[in-house]
Amino acid sequence: MRVIYAGGGTGGHINPAISVADYAKDHDSNHKALFIGTKSGLETRLVPKAGYDIKYIDVIGFDRRHPLKAFKTVKKLIKSRQDCKKIIREFKPDCVVCTGGYVSGPVMMAAAKCGVPSLIHEQNVYPGLTVKGSEKYASYLALSFDETIKHMGNKDKCVVTGNPVRMEIINAKSDTARKKLGITKPLVLIFGGSLGAQKINSTVIKMLKAVIKDGRFLLIFGTGERNYKAVTDEIKREGIILNDDIKVLPYIDNIADVMAAADIVVSRSGAITVSEIAVLKKPSILIPSPNVVRNHQEQNAREFEKNGAAAVITEAELDEAVLYDKICSMLSDKEKLLKMSENLGAFSKTDALEKIYGLMLNMVKSKGKTQ
């Protein structure tokens, strides 16, 4: 099976595509993959690191705050669609799999023009602009939630698969990870998504002195690559001297081991992040980003909170004292942590990759091809 994958910008779009490609490779000895992305996203690093080839197109998303930039966006979209058609005709894929981000739009349009079946995956309850704009070109709309179907125009194409969680996450074990990392104290993992989050970063910086003084737990703090220098510079300006209990990293490459080893995860509540937290059954403090379409991150977080599976702190409520107190109170309540872990079972879905792969096989068969 020859497959073109597209998903760009953030890890939340790229990692699902890599997960699907890895699964397909494990189940098909003839699997050949090619990724399409942009040079401005994390795909430039994550895709080659995963061992896959990638070609780049020049496309940008629509900026609702600056409508006058729409002409530039449309011009790039037209050019990128032509580039995608050329890539598709050269690679000759049996199907196309897109996992969101604005790079998926021209890929979906080009696939339809070239007669190649395609699917696009939506991770959140409310579909984004790219998915809504691409649904007429798709053979399948792979969704993570039943509720999403009501927001789609082509309901007959909808298949609820859940979110594709990386096999390394699914297979990660807490005891093994803690031994591998040499963890002997409670571990708190804090990160603001693959690109980082300025509000979370500034709050954690202000909290570091208390973490160092009390020594209650180990801290692994992912700043996001674009924010790493600003964070480390601020730590120096504040005269904070880090000890061995604290690691500040631009990007956490071994996230499966670190998340599995953690006692508490503090993070944004994007769909892929909360899906991984659920699979690993990790108690968490979710800090929804307020800068997303239809406030979907807070909806994700509140659903977990309502079911006793996570604590929630909004950005408006967030400061160093609130976050530190919440971390310490959770760590000192072992029964609550255990209950949170148990409650996460209702959100844990581990068969999304199998379902998406099944749709890929259907698309290949629809082209009159067999494995």
Protein backbone atom coordinates (compact mmCIF):
# COMPACT_ATOMS: atom_id res chain seq x y z
CA MET A 1 0.00 0.00 0.00
CA ARG A 2 1.35 3.41 -1.00
CA VAL A 3 0.05 6.22 1.22
CA ILE A 4 0.46 9.98 1.36
CA TYR A 5 0.01 11.42 4.84
CA ALA A 6 -0.54 15.08 5.67
CA GLY A 7 -0.87 16.85 8.98
CA GLY A 8 1.10 19.86 10.06
CA GLY A 9 1.90 22.69 12.38
CA THR A 10 1.68 21.16 15.84
CA GLY A 11 2.39 17.78 17.34
CA GLY A 12 -1.37 17.35 17.77
CA HIS A 13 -1.71 17.06 13.99
CA ILE A 14 1.62 15.45 13.12
CA ASN A 15 1.87 12.69 15.73
CA PRO A 16 -1.49 11.11 14.78
CA ALA A 17 -0.35 10.88 11.15
CA ILE A 18 2.95 9.30 12.22
CA SER A 19 1.02 6.88 14.46
CA VAL A 20 -1.19 5.77 11.55
CA ALA A 21 1.86 5.37 9.29
CA ASP A 22 3.67 3.29 11.93
CA TYR A 23 0.62 1.07 12.38
CA ALA A 24 0.23 0.59 8.62
CA LYS A 25 3.93 -0.23 8.26
CA ASP A 26 3.65 -2.86 11.01
CA HIS A 27 0.69 -4.51 9.25
CA ASP A 28 1.78 -4.22 5.62
CA SER A 29 5.25 -5.25 4.48
CA ASN A 30 4.70 -3.33 1.22
CA HIS A 31 3.73 -0.07 2.93
CA LYS A 32 5.35 3.01 1.38
CA ALA A 33 4.75 6.39 2.99
CA LEU A 34 5.29 9.98 1.93
CA PHE A 35 4.38 12.95 4.12
CA ILE A 36 3.39 16.41 2.92
CA GLY A 37 3.92 19.37 5.26
CA THR A 38 5.17 22.92 5.49
CA LYS A 39 8.61 24.16 6.47
CA SER A 40 7.15 26.27 9.28
CA GLY A 41 5.77 23.41 11.38
CA LEU A 42 7.14 20.74 13.69
CA GLU A 43 6.81 18.20 10.88
CA THR A 44 10.23 19.34 9.64
CA ARG A 45 11.72 17.59 12.68
CA LEU A 46 9.19 14.97 13.76
CA VAL A 47 8.60 13.28 10.41
CA PRO A 48 12.28 12.68 9.47
CA LYS A 49 12.94 11.59 13.06
CA ALA A 50 10.20 8.96 12.63
CA GLY A 51 12.01 7.71 9.52
CA TYR A 52 9.66 8.96 6.81
CA ASP A 53 10.21 11.05 3.69
CA ILE A 54 8.50 14.41 3.48
CA LYS A 55 7.85 16.97 0.76
CA TYR A 56 7.00 20.58 1.56
CA ILE A 57 4.39 22.96 0.19
CA ASP A 58 3.90 26.66 0.90
CA VAL A 59 0.45 27.21 2.42
CA ILE A 60 -0.89 29.30 5.30
CA GLY A 61 -4.13 29.31 7.26
CA PHE A 62 -6.88 31.90 7.08
CA ASP A 63 -6.39 34.67 9.63
CA ARG A 64 -9.81 35.71 10.93
CA ARG A 65 -8.31 38.78 12.60
CA HIS A 66 -6.92 40.14 9.32
CA PRO A 67 -9.42 39.47 6.50
CA LEU A 68 -7.36 41.56 4.07
CA LYS A 69 -4.71 38.84 4.13
CA ALA A 70 -7.22 36.42 2.59
CA PHE A 71 -6.00 37.13 -0.95
CA LYS A 72 -2.47 36.02 -0.06
CA THR A 73 -3.86 32.91 1.62
CA VAL A 74 -5.98 31.99 -1.42
CA LYS A 75 -3.06 32.58 -3.78
CA LYS A 76 -0.86 30.22 -1.77
CA LEU A 77 -3.71 27.69 -1.57
CA ILE A 78 -4.05 27.59 -5.36
CA LYS A 79 -0.30 27.18 -5.85
CA SER A 80 0.00 24.53 -3.12
CA ARG A 81 -2.89 22.55 -4.60
CA GLN A 82 -1.01 22.40 -7.92
CA ASP A 83 2.15 21.32 -6.07
CA CYS A 84 0.19 18.57 -4.30
CA LYS A 85 -1.20 17.30 -7.59
CA LYS A 86 2.34 17.00 -8.91
CA ILE A 87 3.47 15.13 -5.79
CA ILE A 88 0.49 12.77 -5.98
CA ARG A 89 1.03 11.99 -9.66
CA GLU A 90 4.70 11.26 -9.04
CA PHE A 91 4.22 9.13 -5.91
CA LYS A 92 1.04 7.38 -7.16
CA PRO A 93 -0.54 6.68 -3.73
CA ASP A 94 -3.32 4.16 -3.25
CA CYS A 95 -4.91 6.48 -0.69
CA VAL A 96 -4.35 9.71 1.23
CA VAL A 97 -4.66 10.17 5.00
CA CYS A 98 -4.88 13.68 6.50
CA THR A 99 -4.92 14.53 10.20
CA GLY A 100 -5.65 18.25 10.15
CA GLY A 101 -3.80 21.50 10.07
CA TYR A 102 -4.13 23.83 7.10
CA VAL A 103 -1.68 21.74 5.04
CA SER A 104 -4.42 19.07 4.79
CA GLY A 105 -6.72 21.31 2.71
CA PRO A 106 -4.77 21.44 -0.57
CA VAL A 107 -3.76 17.77 -0.18
CA MET A 108 -7.42 16.71 0.07
CA MET A 109 -8.40 18.86 -2.92
CA ALA A 110 -5.53 17.55 -5.02
CA ALA A 111 -6.30 13.92 -4.13
CA ALA A 112 -9.89 14.35 -5.29
CA LYS A 113 -8.73 15.95 -8.54
CA CYS A 114 -6.34 13.05 -9.14
CA GLY A 115 -8.99 10.42 -8.34
CA VAL A 116 -7.24 9.13 -5.22
CA PRO A 117 -9.51 8.16 -2.27
CA SER A 118 -8.79 10.03 0.95
CA LEU A 119 -9.82 10.38 4.56
CA ILE A 120 -9.41 13.23 6.99
CA HIS A 121 -9.40 12.81 10.74
CA GLU A 122 -10.97 15.29 13.17
CA GLN A 123 -9.64 15.13 16.71
CA ASN A 124 -12.04 17.50 18.47
CA VAL A 125 -15.78 17.59 19.05
CA TYR A 126 -16.25 20.63 16.80
CA PRO A 127 -14.67 20.27 13.36
CA GLY A 128 -12.13 22.89 12.33
CA LEU A 129 -12.19 24.93 9.13
CA THR A 130 -9.88 22.54 7.29
CA VAL A 131 -12.05 19.51 8.01
CA LYS A 132 -15.27 21.35 7.18
CA GLY A 133 -13.74 22.62 3.95
CA SER A 134 -12.38 19.21 3.00
CA GLU A 135 -15.33 16.95 3.76
CA LYS A 136 -16.76 17.06 0.23
CA TYR A 137 -13.44 15.75 -1.16
CA ALA A 138 -13.09 12.90 1.35
CA SER A 139 -14.06 9.26 1.05
CA TYR A 140 -14.26 9.04 4.85
CA LEU A 141 -14.49 11.50 7.71
CA ALA A 142 -12.80 9.78 10.66
CA LEU A 143 -14.14 11.35 13.85
CA SER A 144 -13.20 11.09 17.50
CA PHE A 145 -16.64 11.75 18.98
CA ASP A 146 -20.19 10.70 18.10
CA GLU A 147 -21.35 14.26 18.70
CA THR A 148 -19.20 15.53 15.81
CA ILE A 149 -21.47 13.83 13.27
CA LYS A 150 -24.20 16.42 13.83
CA HIS A 151 -21.78 19.18 12.77
CA MET A 152 -20.84 17.54 9.47
CA GLY A 153 -22.63 18.10 6.17
CA ASN A 154 -21.72 14.67 4.73
CA LYS A 155 -22.96 12.43 7.53
CA ASP A 156 -22.85 9.32 5.33
CA LYS A 157 -19.05 9.62 5.18
CA CYS A 158 -18.64 9.79 8.98
CA VAL A 159 -16.99 6.96 10.91
CA VAL A 160 -16.25 7.33 14.63
CA THR A 161 -12.75 5.95 15.16
CA GLY A 162 -11.53 7.81 18.23
CA ASN A 163 -8.18 9.57 18.39
CA PRO A 164 -5.12 7.68 17.14
CA VAL A 165 -2.76 7.37 20.09
CA ARG A 166 0.84 6.42 19.42
CA MET A 167 1.68 2.78 20.10
CA GLU A 168 4.62 3.90 22.25
CA ILE A 169 2.06 5.60 24.52
CA ILE A 170 -0.28 2.61 24.51
CA ASN A 171 2.59 0.25 25.36
CA ALA A 172 4.28 2.46 27.98
CA LYS A 173 4.30 1.13 31.55
CA SER A 174 4.75 3.29 34.64
CA ASP A 175 7.10 1.01 36.60
CA THR A 176 9.29 0.34 33.56
CA ALA A 177 9.47 4.03 32.66
CA ARG A 178 10.31 5.13 36.21
CA LYS A 179 13.10 2.56 36.42
CA LYS A 180 14.43 3.58 33.01
CA LEU A 181 14.46 7.28 33.97
CA GLY A 182 15.77 6.67 37.48
CA ILE A 183 12.71 8.22 39.14
CA THR A 184 12.53 7.64 42.90
CA LYS A 185 10.35 10.59 43.99
CA PRO A 186 6.94 11.81 42.85
CA LEU A 187 7.26 13.22 39.33
CA VAL A 188 5.26 16.12 37.89
CA LEU A 189 5.31 16.68 34.13
CA ILE A 190 4.35 20.17 32.89
CA PHE A 191 4.13 21.16 29.25
CA GLY A 192 2.03 23.51 27.16
CA GLY A 193 1.73 21.44 24.01
CA SER A 194 4.32 20.87 21.30
CA LEU A 195 4.74 24.61 20.68
CA GLY A 196 4.58 25.65 24.33
CA ALA A 197 2.26 28.07 26.11
CA GLN A 198 3.47 31.45 27.35
CA LYS A 199 1.05 31.72 30.28
CA ILE A 200 1.92 28.27 31.59
CA ASN A 201 5.63 28.95 31.12
CA SER A 202 5.57 32.25 33.03
CA THR A 203 3.55 30.65 35.85
CA VAL A 204 5.96 27.73 36.21
CA ILE A 205 8.98 30.09 36.29
CA LYS A 206 7.41 31.92 39.25
CA MET A 207 6.72 28.56 40.92
CA LEU A 208 10.25 27.20 40.63
CA LYS A 209 11.59 28.71 43.87
CA ALA A 210 8.87 26.95 45.86
CA VAL A 211 9.57 23.65 44.07
CA ILE A 212 13.28 23.94 44.86
CA LYS A 213 12.73 25.03 48.48
CA ASP A 214 10.22 22.30 49.39
CA GLY A 215 11.75 19.45 47.37
CA ARG A 216 8.48 17.51 47.40
CA PHE A 217 8.66 16.31 43.82
CA LEU A 218 10.71 16.09 40.65
CA LEU A 219 9.70 18.39 37.82
CA ILE A 220 10.12 17.95 34.08
CA PHE A 221 9.10 21.18 32.35
CA GLY A 222 8.66 21.35 28.56
CA THR A 223 8.71 24.96 27.41
CA GLY A 224 8.14 24.45 23.67
CA GLU A 225 11.03 25.10 21.30
CA ARG A 226 10.03 28.64 20.37
CA ASN A 227 9.87 29.67 24.05
CA TYR A 228 12.88 27.83 25.44
CA LYS A 229 15.41 30.67 25.24
CA ALA A 230 12.96 33.19 26.70
CA VAL A 231 12.21 30.84 29.60
CA THR A 232 15.85 30.03 30.40
CA ASP A 233 16.77 33.72 30.13
CA GLU A 234 14.00 34.63 32.57
CA ILE A 235 15.10 31.92 35.00
CA LYS A 236 18.58 33.45 35.01
CA ARG A 237 17.21 36.97 35.46
CA GLU A 238 15.22 35.79 38.48
CA GLY A 239 18.39 34.35 40.00
CA ILE A 240 16.92 30.84 40.12
CA ILE A 241 19.53 28.12 40.39
CA LEU A 242 18.09 24.82 39.22
CA ASN A 243 18.98 21.59 40.98
CA ASP A 244 18.86 17.96 39.84
CA ASP A 245 15.16 17.73 40.72
CA ILE A 246 14.20 20.06 37.87
CA LYS A 247 14.68 19.59 34.12
CA VAL A 248 13.75 22.38 31.72
CA LEU A 249 13.53 21.16 28.13
CA PRO A 250 12.52 22.77 24.83
CA TYR A 251 10.78 19.61 23.63
CA ILE A 252 10.31 16.27 25.38
CA ASP A 253 11.38 13.66 22.82
CA ASN A 254 10.80 10.69 25.15
CA ILE A 255 7.30 11.88 26.10
CA ALA A 256 5.91 8.32 26.30
CA ASP A 257 8.36 7.35 29.05
CA VAL A 258 8.07 10.67 30.88
CA MET A 259 4.27 10.71 30.83
CA ALA A 260 4.12 7.06 31.91
CA ALA A 261 6.52 7.79 34.79
CA ALA A 262 4.67 10.91 35.97
CA ASP A 263 2.41 10.99 39.01
CA ILE A 264 0.65 14.12 37.71
CA VAL A 265 0.53 15.68 34.25
CA VAL A 266 -0.09 19.42 33.92
CA SER A 267 -0.94 20.39 30.35
CA ARG A 268 -3.25 21.97 27.82
CA SER A 269 -6.35 19.93 26.98
CA GLY A 270 -6.03 19.40 23.25
CA ALA A 271 -7.74 16.27 21.97
CA ILE A 272 -4.60 14.19 21.42
CA THR A 273 -3.08 15.20 24.77
CA VAL A 274 -6.17 14.23 26.77
CA SER A 275 -6.47 10.99 24.77
CA GLU A 276 -2.89 10.08 25.72
CA ILE A 277 -3.52 11.02 29.36
CA ALA A 278 -6.59 8.77 29.32
CA VAL A 279 -4.77 5.79 27.79
CA LEU A 280 -2.01 6.06 30.41
CA LYS A 281 -4.62 6.79 33.13
CA LYS A 282 -2.58 9.70 34.46
CA PRO A 283 -4.14 12.14 36.95
CA SER A 284 -3.88 15.59 35.46
CA ILE A 285 -4.36 19.30 35.91
CA LEU A 286 -5.73 20.63 32.63
CA ILE A 287 -5.26 24.28 31.66
CA PRO A 288 -7.37 24.83 28.52
CA SER A 289 -6.11 27.23 25.89
CA PRO A 290 -8.62 30.08 25.47
CA ASN A 291 -7.32 30.77 21.95
CA VAL A 292 -8.98 27.92 20.07
CA VAL A 293 -12.07 27.55 17.90
CA ARG A 294 -15.32 27.18 19.86
CA ASN A 295 -13.36 26.86 23.12
CA HIS A 296 -13.02 23.13 22.45
CA GLN A 297 -10.13 22.67 24.89
CA GLU A 298 -12.25 23.78 27.83
CA GLN A 299 -15.00 21.42 26.68
CA ASN A 300 -12.50 18.56 26.67
CA ALA A 301 -11.24 19.52 30.13
CA ARG A 302 -14.70 19.98 31.65
CA GLU A 303 -15.80 16.57 30.38
CA PHE A 304 -12.87 14.99 32.24
CA GLU A 305 -13.53 17.12 35.32
CA LYS A 306 -17.24 16.25 35.34
CA ASN A 307 -16.34 12.57 35.46
CA GLY A 308 -13.75 12.96 38.22
CA ALA A 309 -10.90 12.24 35.81
CA ALA A 310 -8.98 15.54 36.02
CA ALA A 311 -8.70 18.89 37.78
CA VAL A 312 -9.16 22.08 35.73
CA ILE A 313 -7.57 25.52 36.12
CA THR A 314 -8.52 28.14 33.55
CA GLU A 315 -5.96 30.69 32.38
CA ALA A 316 -7.94 33.41 34.18
CA GLU A 317 -7.52 31.49 37.45
CA LEU A 318 -3.91 30.44 36.86
CA ASP A 319 -1.04 31.76 38.96
CA GLU A 320 1.95 30.16 40.66
CA ALA A 321 0.25 29.78 44.07
CA VAL A 322 -2.90 28.19 42.63
CA LEU A 323 -0.93 25.73 40.51
CA TYR A 324 1.57 24.79 43.22
CA ASP A 325 -1.17 24.30 45.84
CA LYS A 326 -3.17 22.11 43.46
CA ILE A 327 -0.14 19.95 42.65
CA CYS A 328 0.76 19.50 46.32
CA SER A 329 -2.81 18.77 47.42
CA MET A 330 -3.19 16.11 44.73
CA LEU A 331 0.16 14.47 45.52
CA SER A 332 -0.78 14.23 49.19
CA ASP A 333 -4.14 12.59 48.44
CA LYS A 334 -3.24 9.13 47.16
CA GLU A 335 -6.86 7.97 47.19
CA LYS A 336 -7.90 10.84 44.94
CA LEU A 337 -5.09 10.10 42.50
CA LEU A 338 -6.12 6.44 42.38
CA LYS A 339 -9.76 7.39 41.81
CA MET A 340 -8.80 9.75 38.98
CA SER A 341 -6.83 6.96 37.34
CA GLU A 342 -9.81 4.62 37.59
CA ASN A 343 -12.19 7.24 36.18
CA LEU A 344 -9.94 7.78 33.17
CA GLY A 345 -10.79 4.26 32.03
CA ALA A 346 -14.06 5.56 30.55
CA PHE A 347 -12.08 7.85 28.20
CA SER A 348 -9.35 5.36 27.26
CA LYS A 349 -9.64 4.30 23.60
CA THR A 350 -6.90 2.14 22.14
CA ASP A 351 -8.38 0.82 18.87
CA ALA A 352 -8.46 4.02 16.79
CA LEU A 353 -5.41 2.98 14.75
CA GLU A 354 -7.00 -0.35 13.90
CA LYS A 355 -10.20 1.37 12.78
CA ILE A 356 -8.42 3.96 10.65
CA TYR A 357 -6.28 1.26 9.06
CA GLY A 358 -9.47 -0.60 8.21
CA LEU A 359 -10.75 2.49 6.39
CA MET A 360 -7.47 2.70 4.49
CA LEU A 361 -7.90 -0.91 3.33
CA ASN A 362 -11.44 -0.08 2.21
CA MET A 363 -10.11 2.85 0.17
CA VAL A 364 -7.48 0.67 -1.48
CA LYS A 365 -10.14 -1.89 -2.39
CA SER A 366 -12.33 0.89 -3.79
CA LYS A 367 -9.55 1.60 -6.28
CA GLY A 368 -9.69 -2.02 -7.38
CA LYS A 369 -6.42 -2.91 -5.69
CA THR A 370 -5.52 -5.63 -3.20
CA GLN A 371 -2.77 -5.92 -0.67
